[in-house]
Amino acid sequence: MSSAIVLRDVRIVRTGRANIASVLAGFGRLGLTPLLVETAAEAEAAEYLVLPGVGAFGATMAHLRNLDLVEPLCARIAAGRPTLAVCLGLQLLCRESEESPGSDGLGIVPARITRFADPLRVPQLGWNLVTSEGVSPLLASGHAYFANSYKLDAPPAGWSVATADYGGRFVAALARGPVLACQFHPELSGPWGLSWLRRWLEYAPEPEGNAC
């Protein structure tokens, strides 16, 4: 992998309460200055789109609906366009979450997000080992920084996965073509985490055309 990143059109969705500052800083360390977007047209036009998130599942989904971003997000992921989901962003790809009963997620992954069970301390806050179990070149094993109370329990069909363990195995990352979702914060995970951002920016296979 080269040391310099080719300039990319990277855009970050304003998801309300989100870790936007840290994500901006992470890409800044790679020499890039992403734009912040909050319209469907801006999201559709993005070469590389980031869906960050810190906060509640239901409130963030309501914010995305208010901005008319649900359909554009589903469409670009279905088309296999480069999209990165971080932390809550991974959970939003799923159908629903225990955190917000009655609130629909994007439904790209047909699964329910669950809370870490008692007596585990939540949120899981700090470093944990991530183990790559998939064939995607976007995934790698190493230590990542997590800040989550909820998680995806089982690897979904059609995705490469990396997992971690906190009172039991859960999904730490998903990859399908140039679509990458990390339950951890790659931008806060040191050089190893930045290598995830770099690989995502440098790897763009042909669209897979999976249905949303």
Protein backbone atom coordinates (compact mmCIF):
# COMPACT_ATOMS: atom_id res chain seq x y z
CA MET A 1 0.00 0.00 0.00
CA SER A 2 1.39 3.44 -0.93
CA SER A 3 2.04 6.01 1.78
CA ALA A 4 0.04 8.74 0.03
CA ILE A 5 -3.72 8.66 -0.36
CA VAL A 6 -5.13 9.59 -3.76
CA LEU A 7 -7.48 12.53 -3.26
CA ARG A 8 -11.05 11.30 -2.88
CA ASP A 9 -14.42 12.96 -2.67
CA VAL A 10 -15.31 11.89 0.88
CA ARG A 11 -18.54 13.14 2.40
CA ILE A 12 -19.84 12.62 5.93
CA VAL A 13 -23.55 12.52 6.69
CA ARG A 14 -24.69 14.85 9.47
CA THR A 15 -26.51 12.33 11.64
CA GLY A 16 -27.39 14.66 14.49
CA ARG A 17 -25.46 13.54 17.56
CA ALA A 18 -22.47 11.93 15.90
CA ASN A 19 -18.74 11.48 16.25
CA ILE A 20 -18.21 13.81 13.30
CA ALA A 21 -15.26 15.71 14.78
CA SER A 22 -13.23 12.57 15.39
CA VAL A 23 -14.10 11.15 11.96
CA LEU A 24 -13.04 14.41 10.31
CA ALA A 25 -9.78 14.29 12.26
CA GLY A 26 -9.17 10.68 11.22
CA PHE A 27 -9.46 11.48 7.52
CA GLY A 28 -7.43 14.63 8.12
CA ARG A 29 -4.56 12.45 9.32
CA LEU A 30 -4.70 10.81 5.89
CA GLY A 31 -4.50 14.19 4.18
CA LEU A 32 -8.18 14.46 3.25
CA THR A 33 -10.82 17.08 4.07
CA PRO A 34 -14.29 15.51 3.86
CA LEU A 35 -17.42 17.58 3.27
CA LEU A 36 -20.38 17.42 5.63
CA VAL A 37 -23.68 16.66 3.89
CA GLU A 38 -27.31 16.48 4.89
CA THR A 39 -29.30 16.28 1.66
CA ALA A 40 -30.20 13.35 -0.56
CA ALA A 41 -28.54 14.98 -3.58
CA GLU A 42 -25.27 15.49 -1.70
CA ALA A 43 -25.27 11.90 -0.45
CA GLU A 44 -26.04 10.51 -3.90
CA ALA A 45 -23.23 12.54 -5.46
CA ALA A 46 -20.59 11.38 -2.98
CA GLU A 47 -17.80 9.20 -4.30
CA TYR A 48 -17.14 7.92 -0.76
CA LEU A 49 -19.84 8.37 1.89
CA VAL A 50 -19.47 7.99 5.68
CA LEU A 51 -22.41 7.28 7.99
CA PRO A 52 -21.21 8.01 11.53
CA GLY A 53 -23.28 7.80 14.66
CA VAL A 54 -23.30 8.33 18.39
CA GLY A 55 -26.63 8.41 20.20
CA ALA A 56 -29.92 6.52 20.06
CA PHE A 57 -30.98 4.23 17.22
CA GLY A 58 -34.53 5.61 16.95
CA ALA A 59 -33.59 9.28 17.15
CA THR A 60 -30.90 8.92 14.49
CA MET A 61 -33.22 7.03 12.14
CA ALA A 62 -35.84 9.75 12.61
CA HIS A 63 -33.20 12.35 11.72
CA LEU A 64 -32.25 10.44 8.55
CA ARG A 65 -35.93 10.21 7.56
CA ASN A 66 -36.43 13.92 8.13
CA LEU A 67 -33.53 14.59 5.75
CA ASP A 68 -34.93 12.08 3.17
CA LEU A 69 -31.68 10.12 3.36
CA VAL A 70 -33.02 6.61 3.94
CA GLU A 71 -33.67 5.79 0.28
CA PRO A 72 -30.35 7.24 -1.00
CA LEU A 73 -28.40 5.31 1.66
CA CYS A 74 -30.15 2.04 0.81
CA ALA A 75 -29.72 2.63 -2.92
CA ARG A 76 -25.97 3.30 -2.78
CA ILE A 77 -25.31 0.29 -0.55
CA ALA A 78 -27.45 -1.93 -2.79
CA ALA A 79 -25.45 -0.69 -5.77
CA GLY A 80 -22.15 -1.47 -4.03
CA ARG A 81 -20.95 2.13 -3.88
CA PRO A 82 -18.20 2.96 -1.33
CA THR A 83 -19.93 3.54 1.99
CA LEU A 84 -18.48 3.44 5.52
CA ALA A 85 -20.71 3.08 8.61
CA VAL A 86 -19.13 3.75 12.01
CA CYS A 87 -20.34 2.65 15.48
CA LEU A 88 -24.11 3.31 15.58
CA GLY A 89 -23.84 3.51 11.79
CA LEU A 90 -23.36 -0.28 11.68
CA GLN A 91 -26.45 -0.80 13.84
CA LEU A 92 -28.53 1.44 11.58
CA LEU A 93 -27.93 -1.00 8.71
CA CYS A 94 -30.06 -3.53 10.57
CA ARG A 95 -33.82 -3.96 10.65
CA GLU A 96 -34.44 -2.97 14.28
CA SER A 97 -32.84 -2.51 17.70
CA GLU A 98 -33.75 -3.31 21.29
CA GLU A 99 -32.76 0.26 22.06
CA SER A 100 -35.72 1.75 20.16
CA PRO A 101 -38.70 -0.64 19.92
CA GLY A 102 -40.97 0.20 17.01
CA SER A 103 -38.33 2.14 15.09
CA ASP A 104 -37.28 0.67 11.75
CA GLY A 105 -33.64 0.70 10.71
CA LEU A 106 -32.40 0.74 7.13
CA GLY A 107 -33.11 -3.01 6.90
CA ILE A 108 -30.07 -3.79 4.75
CA VAL A 109 -29.05 -6.44 7.27
CA PRO A 110 -32.14 -8.49 8.31
CA ALA A 111 -31.25 -8.65 11.98
CA ARG A 112 -32.09 -7.15 15.37
CA ILE A 113 -29.54 -5.26 17.43
CA THR A 114 -29.41 -6.39 21.08
CA ARG A 115 -28.04 -4.91 24.30
CA PHE A 116 -25.09 -6.44 26.14
CA ALA A 117 -26.54 -8.62 28.88
CA ASP A 118 -26.16 -8.09 32.62
CA PRO A 119 -23.86 -8.14 34.53
CA LEU A 120 -21.62 -6.68 31.80
CA ARG A 121 -20.78 -3.04 32.29
CA VAL A 122 -22.23 -0.87 29.51
CA PRO A 123 -21.20 0.81 27.45
CA GLN A 124 -18.24 -1.34 26.52
CA LEU A 125 -15.70 1.45 26.63
CA GLY A 126 -12.09 0.92 25.62
CA TRP A 127 -9.87 -1.43 23.63
CA ASN A 128 -10.84 -4.91 22.51
CA LEU A 129 -9.38 -7.48 20.14
CA VAL A 130 -10.94 -7.66 16.67
CA THR A 131 -10.51 -10.94 14.77
CA SER A 132 -11.02 -11.04 11.01
CA GLU A 133 -13.05 -14.07 9.94
CA GLY A 134 -13.83 -13.04 6.38
CA VAL A 135 -12.13 -12.93 3.01
CA SER A 136 -12.62 -9.22 2.36
CA PRO A 137 -9.32 -7.32 2.03
CA LEU A 138 -10.95 -4.49 4.00
CA LEU A 139 -10.85 -6.55 7.21
CA ALA A 140 -7.88 -7.16 9.50
CA SER A 141 -7.21 -8.41 13.02
CA GLY A 142 -5.97 -6.08 15.73
CA HIS A 143 -7.05 -3.98 18.69
CA ALA A 144 -9.80 -1.39 18.27
CA TYR A 145 -11.45 1.25 20.42
CA PHE A 146 -15.13 0.55 21.21
CA ALA A 147 -17.86 2.64 22.84
CA ASN A 148 -21.09 0.62 22.53
CA SER A 149 -23.93 -0.74 24.64
CA TYR A 150 -25.62 -2.59 21.76
CA LYS A 151 -24.32 -5.04 19.19
CA LEU A 152 -25.07 -7.29 16.23
CA ASP A 153 -24.91 -10.86 17.51
CA ALA A 154 -24.53 -13.04 14.41
CA PRO A 155 -22.72 -12.61 11.08
CA PRO A 156 -25.30 -12.01 8.32
CA ALA A 157 -25.28 -14.01 5.10
CA GLY A 158 -23.46 -12.44 2.18
CA TRP A 159 -21.04 -10.36 4.26
CA SER A 160 -17.44 -10.87 5.34
CA VAL A 161 -17.08 -10.25 9.06
CA ALA A 162 -14.67 -9.51 11.87
CA THR A 163 -15.73 -10.33 15.42
CA ALA A 164 -14.88 -9.38 18.99
CA ASP A 165 -15.79 -10.79 22.40
CA TYR A 166 -17.44 -8.98 25.29
CA GLY A 167 -19.34 -11.49 27.38
CA GLY A 168 -19.73 -13.43 24.12
CA ARG A 169 -18.88 -13.12 20.44
CA PHE A 170 -20.43 -10.25 18.46
CA VAL A 171 -19.90 -8.63 15.07
CA ALA A 172 -17.16 -6.00 15.15
CA ALA A 173 -17.19 -5.22 11.40
CA LEU A 174 -18.97 -6.10 8.17
CA ALA A 175 -17.68 -5.83 4.62
CA ARG A 176 -19.30 -6.42 1.25
CA GLY A 177 -17.44 -5.04 -1.74
CA PRO A 178 -16.57 -1.40 -0.94
CA VAL A 179 -19.24 -1.22 1.78
CA LEU A 180 -17.65 -1.34 5.24
CA ALA A 181 -19.31 -1.08 8.65
CA CYS A 182 -17.33 -0.93 11.92
CA GLN A 183 -18.89 -1.23 15.37
CA PHE A 184 -15.65 0.20 16.74
CA HIS A 185 -14.16 3.63 15.98
CA PRO A 186 -11.39 3.20 13.38
CA GLU A 187 -10.56 6.90 13.64
CA LEU A 188 -9.80 6.42 17.37
CA SER A 189 -7.94 3.12 16.99
CA GLY A 190 -4.46 4.41 16.27
CA PRO A 191 -2.42 3.48 13.17
CA TRP A 192 -4.26 0.14 12.92
CA GLY A 193 -7.60 1.93 12.72
CA LEU A 194 -6.34 4.42 10.16
CA SER A 195 -5.25 1.45 8.04
CA TRP A 196 -8.94 0.48 7.82
CA LEU A 197 -9.82 3.93 6.47
CA ARG A 198 -6.91 3.75 4.03
CA ARG A 199 -7.94 0.32 2.71
CA TRP A 200 -11.52 1.50 2.26
CA LEU A 201 -10.34 4.52 0.28
CA GLU A 202 -7.99 2.48 -1.90
CA TYR A 203 -10.19 -0.55 -2.60
CA ALA A 204 -13.21 -0.19 -4.87
CA PRO A 205 -14.28 -3.35 -6.73
CA GLU A 206 -17.07 -3.46 -9.25
CA PRO A 207 -20.58 -2.90 -7.81
CA GLU A 208 -22.23 -6.14 -6.71
CA GLY A 209 -25.85 -5.08 -7.26
CA ASN A 210 -27.25 -6.63 -4.07
CA ALA A 211 -30.82 -5.74 -3.21
CA CYS A 212 -31.46 -3.43 -0.26
